[in-house]
Amino acid sequence: MFKKNLMLVALTSAMIISLLGQVIASHHDVDKSSEISKLAYQTIKSMNMKQAWVDILPDMVDLIPASMFQTMESQGAPAELVKKLENSLKDKIEDFKAEINFEKIGEKVEHDFASVFSEVYTEEELKAMMSFYQSPIGKQIAKKQSRLMKGTIPLQQEAMDEFLPELTSLVMEEVQASF
């Protein structure tokens, strides 16, 4: 039963990751010829968004297995088994991260954020943001973007811990009912 639950936890996590990827991919391309799209892209660049994501993505990769291990324990997996699995995956996860092109993902995030910014903000608002991020204080804040995002990872983990075990149970129950 536990092996089946372990597979279901892995399947659930894969489905969640896939859904997140689909959400990111669903944003339309930024039309660089339009003024607002150009302004949105320049604003994102001035915010140091790409580098912030490049810096935080490895930590986000670590967050996923950590959540899975916690969910496994909450589903009744023996702690020593979870620890053994965690230790056996440690090097594999590091190898996995070494193969990921975080720069390319950062460029995609930058592009996608610019698309969202061009849909959400007016030209006036984008110009105000650009002005701020080009100011001395704005540049200081942009440089701290990575540190801010890294500091929120434990908060994101805590927030996910509030619902992930229940969501995993819900999905596992549905998968079991389907087989």
Foldseek 3Di string as FASTA:
>chain_A
DLVLLLVLLVVVLVVVVVVVVVVLVPQDFQPCPDPLLVLLLLLLVLLLQLVLQLLCVLVVLVLSLVLSLVLSVVVPDDPVVSVVVCVVCVVVSVVVVVPDPSNVVSVSNSRSSSSVCSVPDDSVVSVVSSVQSVDPVNVVNSVCSNVVVNVCVVVVSVVCNVPVSVVSVVSSVVVVVVD
